[in-house]
Amino acid sequence: MPGIPDVHARLSADPPARVADVACGAGWSSIGIARAYPKARVDGFDLDEASVALARANVAEAGLADRVDIAVRDAGDSTLAGRYDLVTIFEALHDMSQPVEVLRRARGLLVEGGSVIVVDERVAETFTAPGDTIERLMYGFSVLCCLPAGLADQPSAATGTVMRPGTLRRYALEAGFRDVEILPISSDLFRFYRLRVGS
């Protein structure tokens, strides 16, 4: 987050920022944000009960239960609308059967001036054969895991692990975002996106 100066500043400021960590899984991203920003309050949501149970145990072990709440909850819950300064989706959007709807719901969670950050695999921007080592690795994950998972619920966008920047941009625009910025954060495996709502 320090690579996104205005988000970093908000997470460090008063009144305490609220973060929604969508599809939080085992809770490591929620824990990481809470550790880095001692003032922030983090709500992790996931629809998988086993993941939520594991995440709650991880949060308790980290001693962060006073600031990190994990729940089996849909991000589209209307009672959550307009409550969050930051919404994050870490390495999960490509697994979702309806990514546009998830992004639309993420947008609905934001306060005025809030931000959505999506982190997903750093695959090539366009398809080329045979592709580099990372590209081939990601296609392997896609065929064996992520694509079947995304197809389990219908209807499905059938995205799979190899979600190129153009695909994410299309999803974001369909969800009502104004623009998508690829953030200048260096990583061999992940690409960081900021989805913009206003000007």
C-alpha atoms as a PDB file:
ATOM      1  CA  MET A   1       0.000   0.000   0.000  1.00  0.00           C
ATOM      2  CA  PRO A   2       2.862   2.491   0.465  1.00  0.00           C
ATOM      3  CA  GLY A   3       3.128   2.315  -3.351  1.00  0.00           C
ATOM      4  CA  ILE A   4      -0.304   3.984  -3.543  1.00  0.00           C
ATOM      5  CA  PRO A   5       0.338   7.233  -1.647  1.00  0.00           C
ATOM      6  CA  ASP A   6      -3.241   8.455  -1.121  1.00  0.00           C
ATOM      7  CA  VAL A   7      -4.452   5.014  -0.006  1.00  0.00           C
ATOM      8  CA  HIS A   8      -1.445   4.699   2.309  1.00  0.00           C
ATOM      9  CA  ALA A   9      -2.217   8.115   3.792  1.00  0.00           C
ATOM     10  CA  ARG A  10      -5.892   7.280   4.367  1.00  0.00           C
ATOM     11  CA  LEU A  11      -5.061   3.947   6.022  1.00  0.00           C
ATOM     12  CA  SER A  12      -2.665   5.737   8.340  1.00  0.00           C
ATOM     13  CA  ALA A  13      -5.018   8.585   9.257  1.00  0.00           C
ATOM     14  CA  ASP A  14      -7.874   9.367  11.618  1.00  0.00           C
ATOM     15  CA  PRO A  15     -10.700   8.693  11.772  1.00  0.00           C
ATOM     16  CA  PRO A  16      -9.713   5.019  11.359  1.00  0.00           C
ATOM     17  CA  ALA A  17     -10.136   3.734   7.828  1.00  0.00           C
ATOM     18  CA  ARG A  18     -12.407   0.810   7.058  1.00  0.00           C
ATOM     19  CA  VAL A  19     -11.234  -1.903   4.679  1.00  0.00           C
ATOM     20  CA  ALA A  20     -13.336  -4.628   3.050  1.00  0.00           C
ATOM     21  CA  ASP A  21     -11.215  -7.611   2.027  1.00  0.00           C
ATOM     22  CA  VAL A  22     -13.465  -9.465  -0.430  1.00  0.00           C
ATOM     23  CA  ALA A  23     -12.867 -13.217  -0.886  1.00  0.00           C
ATOM     24  CA  CYS A  24     -10.425 -13.113   2.018  1.00  0.00           C
ATOM     25  CA  GLY A  25      -9.816 -16.867   2.114  1.00  0.00           C
ATOM     26  CA  ALA A  26      -7.613 -17.817   5.069  1.00  0.00           C
ATOM     27  CA  GLY A  27      -7.382 -14.170   6.116  1.00  0.00           C
ATOM     28  CA  TRP A  28      -3.713 -13.501   5.438  1.00  0.00           C
ATOM     29  CA  SER A  29      -4.395 -10.354   3.421  1.00  0.00           C
ATOM     30  CA  SER A  30      -6.712  -9.009   6.140  1.00  0.00           C
ATOM     31  CA  ILE A  31      -4.054  -9.729   8.748  1.00  0.00           C
ATOM     32  CA  GLY A  32      -1.340  -8.131   6.628  1.00  0.00           C
ATOM     33  CA  ILE A  33      -3.310  -4.914   6.184  1.00  0.00           C
ATOM     34  CA  ALA A  34      -4.174  -4.712   9.901  1.00  0.00           C
ATOM     35  CA  ARG A  35      -0.549  -5.280  10.904  1.00  0.00           C
ATOM     36  CA  ALA A  36       0.718  -2.616   8.500  1.00  0.00           C
ATOM     37  CA  TYR A  37      -1.928  -0.072   9.529  1.00  0.00           C
ATOM     38  CA  PRO A  38      -2.641  -0.208  13.275  1.00  0.00           C
ATOM     39  CA  LYS A  39      -5.491   2.313  13.025  1.00  0.00           C
ATOM     40  CA  ALA A  40      -7.405   0.510  10.280  1.00  0.00           C
ATOM     41  CA  ARG A  41     -10.399  -1.713  10.798  1.00  0.00           C
ATOM     42  CA  VAL A  42     -10.588  -4.680   8.371  1.00  0.00           C
ATOM     43  CA  ASP A  43     -13.672  -6.746   7.529  1.00  0.00           C
ATOM     44  CA  GLY A  44     -12.905  -9.937   5.606  1.00  0.00           C
ATOM     45  CA  PHE A  45     -15.702 -11.573   3.627  1.00  0.00           C
ATOM     46  CA  ASP A  46     -15.828 -15.006   2.078  1.00  0.00           C
ATOM     47  CA  LEU A  47     -18.627 -17.386   1.108  1.00  0.00           C
ATOM     48  CA  ASP A  48     -16.653 -20.521   2.003  1.00  0.00           C
ATOM     49  CA  GLU A  49     -17.366 -21.508   5.610  1.00  0.00           C
ATOM     50  CA  ALA A  50     -14.201 -23.594   6.002  1.00  0.00           C
ATOM     51  CA  SER A  51     -12.045 -20.690   4.817  1.00  0.00           C
ATOM     52  CA  VAL A  52     -13.795 -18.317   7.211  1.00  0.00           C
ATOM     53  CA  ALA A  53     -13.221 -20.692  10.139  1.00  0.00           C
ATOM     54  CA  LEU A  54      -9.524 -20.921   9.260  1.00  0.00           C
ATOM     55  CA  ALA A  55      -9.275 -17.139   8.805  1.00  0.00           C
ATOM     56  CA  ARG A  56     -10.862 -16.494  12.201  1.00  0.00           C
ATOM     57  CA  ALA A  57      -8.345 -18.833  13.823  1.00  0.00           C
ATOM     58  CA  ASN A  58      -5.480 -17.077  12.023  1.00  0.00           C
ATOM     59  CA  VAL A  59      -6.755 -13.660  13.111  1.00  0.00           C
ATOM     60  CA  ALA A  60      -7.071 -14.798  16.727  1.00  0.00           C
ATOM     61  CA  GLU A  61      -3.559 -16.256  16.675  1.00  0.00           C
ATOM     62  CA  ALA A  62      -2.249 -12.973  15.263  1.00  0.00           C
ATOM     63  CA  GLY A  63      -3.888 -11.101  18.164  1.00  0.00           C
ATOM     64  CA  LEU A  64      -5.945  -8.903  15.835  1.00  0.00           C
ATOM     65  CA  ALA A  65      -9.516  -9.925  16.652  1.00  0.00           C
ATOM     66  CA  ASP A  66     -10.215  -6.427  18.004  1.00  0.00           C
ATOM     67  CA  ARG A  67      -9.662  -4.879  14.544  1.00  0.00           C
ATOM     68  CA  VAL A  68     -10.201  -7.707  12.046  1.00  0.00           C
ATOM     69  CA  ASP A  69     -13.606  -9.296  11.638  1.00  0.00           C
ATOM     70  CA  ILE A  70     -14.066 -12.281   9.322  1.00  0.00           C
ATOM     71  CA  ALA A  71     -17.531 -13.362   8.246  1.00  0.00           C
ATOM     72  CA  VAL A  72     -19.387 -15.620   5.852  1.00  0.00           C
ATOM     73  CA  ARG A  73     -20.949 -12.756   3.990  1.00  0.00           C
ATOM     74  CA  ASP A  74     -21.748 -11.652   0.464  1.00  0.00           C
ATOM     75  CA  ALA A  75     -20.138  -8.348  -0.503  1.00  0.00           C
ATOM     76  CA  GLY A  76     -23.476  -7.450  -2.055  1.00  0.00           C
ATOM     77  CA  ASP A  77     -25.141  -7.256   1.377  1.00  0.00           C
ATOM     78  CA  SER A  78     -27.024  -3.943   1.177  1.00  0.00           C
ATOM     79  CA  THR A  79     -26.223  -3.086   4.801  1.00  0.00           C
ATOM     80  CA  LEU A  80     -22.539  -2.743   3.829  1.00  0.00           C
ATOM     81  CA  ALA A  81     -23.073  -0.159   1.087  1.00  0.00           C
ATOM     82  CA  GLY A  82     -21.019   3.018   1.310  1.00  0.00           C
ATOM     83  CA  ARG A  83     -19.031   1.995   4.392  1.00  0.00           C
ATOM     84  CA  TYR A  84     -15.478   1.363   3.175  1.00  0.00           C
ATOM     85  CA  ASP A  85     -12.495   3.548   2.317  1.00  0.00           C
ATOM     86  CA  LEU A  86     -10.754   0.639   0.598  1.00  0.00           C
ATOM     87  CA  VAL A  87     -11.979  -2.589  -0.990  1.00  0.00           C
ATOM     88  CA  THR A  88      -9.416  -5.243  -1.868  1.00  0.00           C
ATOM     89  CA  ILE A  89      -9.635  -8.431  -3.904  1.00  0.00           C
ATOM     90  CA  PHE A  90      -6.406 -10.434  -3.740  1.00  0.00           C
ATOM     91  CA  GLU A  91      -5.845 -13.187  -6.316  1.00  0.00           C
ATOM     92  CA  ALA A  92      -9.489 -14.187  -6.384  1.00  0.00           C
ATOM     93  CA  LEU A  93     -11.349 -12.326  -9.133  1.00  0.00           C
ATOM     94  CA  HIS A  94     -10.287 -14.755 -11.860  1.00  0.00           C
ATOM     95  CA  ASP A  95     -11.824 -17.633  -9.857  1.00  0.00           C
ATOM     96  CA  MET A  96     -15.253 -16.026  -9.659  1.00  0.00           C
ATOM     97  CA  SER A  97     -18.052 -17.105 -11.957  1.00  0.00           C
ATOM     98  CA  GLN A  98     -19.512 -13.583 -12.128  1.00  0.00           C
ATOM     99  CA  PRO A  99     -16.578 -11.145 -11.846  1.00  0.00           C
ATOM    100  CA  VAL A 100     -18.502  -8.161 -13.232  1.00  0.00           C
ATOM    101  CA  GLU A 101     -21.177  -8.515 -10.566  1.00  0.00           C
ATOM    102  CA  VAL A 102     -18.523  -8.860  -7.855  1.00  0.00           C
ATOM    103  CA  LEU A 103     -16.801  -5.675  -9.039  1.00  0.00           C
ATOM    104  CA  ARG A 104     -20.153  -3.874  -9.167  1.00  0.00           C
ATOM    105  CA  ARG A 105     -20.775  -4.891  -5.563  1.00  0.00           C
ATOM    106  CA  ALA A 106     -17.245  -3.844  -4.569  1.00  0.00           C
ATOM    107  CA  ARG A 107     -17.920  -0.405  -6.060  1.00  0.00           C
ATOM    108  CA  GLY A 108     -21.101  -0.189  -3.997  1.00  0.00           C
ATOM    109  CA  LEU A 109     -19.155  -0.727  -0.772  1.00  0.00           C
ATOM    110  CA  LEU A 110     -17.112   2.466  -1.188  1.00  0.00           C
ATOM    111  CA  VAL A 111     -17.450   5.776   0.582  1.00  0.00           C
ATOM    112  CA  GLU A 112     -17.038   8.875  -1.571  1.00  0.00           C
ATOM    113  CA  GLY A 113     -13.405   8.947  -2.708  1.00  0.00           C
ATOM    114  CA  GLY A 114     -12.787   5.309  -1.771  1.00  0.00           C
ATOM    115  CA  SER A 115     -10.614   2.921  -3.773  1.00  0.00           C
ATOM    116  CA  VAL A 116     -10.803  -0.624  -5.115  1.00  0.00           C
ATOM    117  CA  ILE A 117      -7.516  -2.496  -5.464  1.00  0.00           C
ATOM    118  CA  VAL A 118      -7.410  -5.809  -7.335  1.00  0.00           C
ATOM    119  CA  VAL A 119      -4.303  -7.978  -7.292  1.00  0.00           C
ATOM    120  CA  ASP A 120      -4.157 -10.828  -9.782  1.00  0.00           C
ATOM    121  CA  GLU A 121      -1.633 -12.853 -11.755  1.00  0.00           C
ATOM    122  CA  ARG A 122       0.943 -11.038 -13.859  1.00  0.00           C
ATOM    123  CA  VAL A 123       0.284 -12.830 -17.130  1.00  0.00           C
ATOM    124  CA  ALA A 124       1.320 -11.476 -20.520  1.00  0.00           C
ATOM    125  CA  GLU A 125      -0.732  -8.585 -21.833  1.00  0.00           C
ATOM    126  CA  THR A 126      -1.472 -10.495 -25.046  1.00  0.00           C
ATOM    127  CA  PHE A 127      -1.404 -14.145 -26.048  1.00  0.00           C
ATOM    128  CA  THR A 128       1.744 -15.411 -27.749  1.00  0.00           C
ATOM    129  CA  ALA A 129       2.854 -18.986 -28.355  1.00  0.00           C
ATOM    130  CA  PRO A 130       4.517 -20.765 -26.699  1.00  0.00           C
ATOM    131  CA  GLY A 131       4.514 -18.150 -23.917  1.00  0.00           C
ATOM    132  CA  ASP A 132       7.121 -17.668 -21.196  1.00  0.00           C
ATOM    133  CA  THR A 133       7.545 -19.844 -18.110  1.00  0.00           C
ATOM    134  CA  ILE A 134       5.068 -17.826 -16.023  1.00  0.00           C
ATOM    135  CA  GLU A 135       2.447 -17.918 -18.751  1.00  0.00           C
ATOM    136  CA  ARG A 136       2.732 -21.698 -19.114  1.00  0.00           C
ATOM    137  CA  LEU A 137       2.595 -22.137 -15.341  1.00  0.00           C
ATOM    138  CA  MET A 138      -0.566 -20.025 -15.116  1.00  0.00           C
ATOM    139  CA  TYR A 139      -2.256 -21.955 -17.914  1.00  0.00           C
ATOM    140  CA  GLY A 140      -1.503 -25.152 -15.984  1.00  0.00           C
ATOM    141  CA  PHE A 141      -3.140 -23.722 -12.857  1.00  0.00           C
ATOM    142  CA  SER A 142      -6.056 -22.502 -14.947  1.00  0.00           C
ATOM    143  CA  VAL A 143      -6.824 -25.805 -16.652  1.00  0.00           C
ATOM    144  CA  LEU A 144      -6.438 -27.897 -13.503  1.00  0.00           C
ATOM    145  CA  CYS A 145      -7.900 -25.614 -10.828  1.00  0.00           C
ATOM    146  CA  CYS A 146      -9.135 -22.068 -11.431  1.00  0.00           C
ATOM    147  CA  LEU A 147     -11.164 -22.528 -14.599  1.00  0.00           C
ATOM    148  CA  PRO A 148     -13.052 -25.610 -13.291  1.00  0.00           C
ATOM    149  CA  ALA A 149     -13.712 -23.742 -10.027  1.00  0.00           C
ATOM    150  CA  GLY A 150     -15.077 -20.759 -11.928  1.00  0.00           C
ATOM    151  CA  LEU A 151     -17.289 -23.001 -14.062  1.00  0.00           C
ATOM    152  CA  ALA A 152     -18.795 -24.754 -11.020  1.00  0.00           C
ATOM    153  CA  ASP A 153     -21.406 -22.004 -10.649  1.00  0.00           C
ATOM    154  CA  GLN A 154     -23.466 -21.063 -13.681  1.00  0.00           C
ATOM    155  CA  PRO A 155     -23.752 -18.752 -15.459  1.00  0.00           C
ATOM    156  CA  SER A 156     -20.007 -18.215 -15.582  1.00  0.00           C
ATOM    157  CA  ALA A 157     -17.620 -15.821 -17.294  1.00  0.00           C
ATOM    158  CA  ALA A 158     -15.128 -18.740 -17.378  1.00  0.00           C
ATOM    159  CA  THR A 159     -12.166 -16.423 -16.823  1.00  0.00           C
ATOM    160  CA  GLY A 160      -9.514 -18.774 -15.434  1.00  0.00           C
ATOM    161  CA  THR A 161      -6.079 -17.883 -14.092  1.00  0.00           C
ATOM    162  CA  VAL A 162      -4.896 -16.150 -17.265  1.00  0.00           C
ATOM    163  CA  MET A 163      -6.876 -12.942 -16.812  1.00  0.00           C
ATOM    164  CA  ARG A 164      -5.135 -10.396 -18.999  1.00  0.00           C
ATOM    165  CA  PRO A 165      -5.254  -6.645 -18.232  1.00  0.00           C
ATOM    166  CA  GLY A 166      -7.667  -6.068 -21.097  1.00  0.00           C
ATOM    167  CA  THR A 167     -10.092  -8.585 -19.639  1.00  0.00           C
ATOM    168  CA  LEU A 168      -9.994  -6.997 -16.193  1.00  0.00           C
ATOM    169  CA  ARG A 169     -10.454  -3.557 -17.742  1.00  0.00           C
ATOM    170  CA  ARG A 170     -13.524  -4.778 -19.649  1.00  0.00           C
ATOM    171  CA  TYR A 171     -15.000  -6.297 -16.472  1.00  0.00           C
ATOM    172  CA  ALA A 172     -14.366  -3.077 -14.523  1.00  0.00           C
ATOM    173  CA  LEU A 173     -15.951  -0.833 -17.150  1.00  0.00           C
ATOM    174  CA  GLU A 174     -18.993  -3.113 -17.334  1.00  0.00           C
ATOM    175  CA  ALA A 175     -19.230  -2.868 -13.526  1.00  0.00           C
ATOM    176  CA  GLY A 176     -19.421   0.922 -13.726  1.00  0.00           C
ATOM    177  CA  PHE A 177     -15.844   1.962 -13.001  1.00  0.00           C
ATOM    178  CA  ARG A 178     -14.492   4.895 -14.970  1.00  0.00           C
ATOM    179  CA  ASP A 179     -10.988   3.545 -15.543  1.00  0.00           C
ATOM    180  CA  VAL A 180      -8.385   0.965 -14.513  1.00  0.00           C
ATOM    181  CA  GLU A 181      -4.819   1.894 -13.616  1.00  0.00           C
ATOM    182  CA  ILE A 182      -2.015  -0.654 -13.555  1.00  0.00           C
ATOM    183  CA  LEU A 183       0.015   0.407 -10.550  1.00  0.00           C
ATOM    184  CA  PRO A 184       3.817   0.693 -10.784  1.00  0.00           C
ATOM    185  CA  ILE A 185       4.407  -1.970  -8.124  1.00  0.00           C
ATOM    186  CA  SER A 186       7.111  -4.480  -8.994  1.00  0.00           C
ATOM    187  CA  SER A 187       6.295  -8.185  -8.674  1.00  0.00           C
ATOM    188  CA  ASP A 188       7.257 -11.228 -10.720  1.00  0.00           C
ATOM    189  CA  LEU A 189       3.923 -12.974 -10.154  1.00  0.00           C
ATOM    190  CA  PHE A 190       1.287 -10.333  -9.467  1.00  0.00           C
ATOM    191  CA  ARG A 191      -0.135  -7.258 -11.167  1.00  0.00           C
ATOM    192  CA  PHE A 192      -1.738  -4.516  -9.077  1.00  0.00           C
ATOM    193  CA  TYR A 193      -4.778  -2.683 -10.432  1.00  0.00           C
ATOM    194  CA  ARG A 194      -6.593   0.360  -9.131  1.00  0.00           C
ATOM    195  CA  LEU A 195     -10.181   0.655 -10.285  1.00  0.00           C
ATOM    196  CA  ARG A 196     -11.270   4.284 -10.481  1.00  0.00           C
ATOM    197  CA  VAL A 197     -14.797   5.462  -9.809  1.00  0.00           C
ATOM    198  CA  GLY A 198     -14.631   9.249 -10.198  1.00  0.00           C
ATOM    199  CA  SER A 199     -12.301  11.765 -11.773  1.00  0.00           C
END
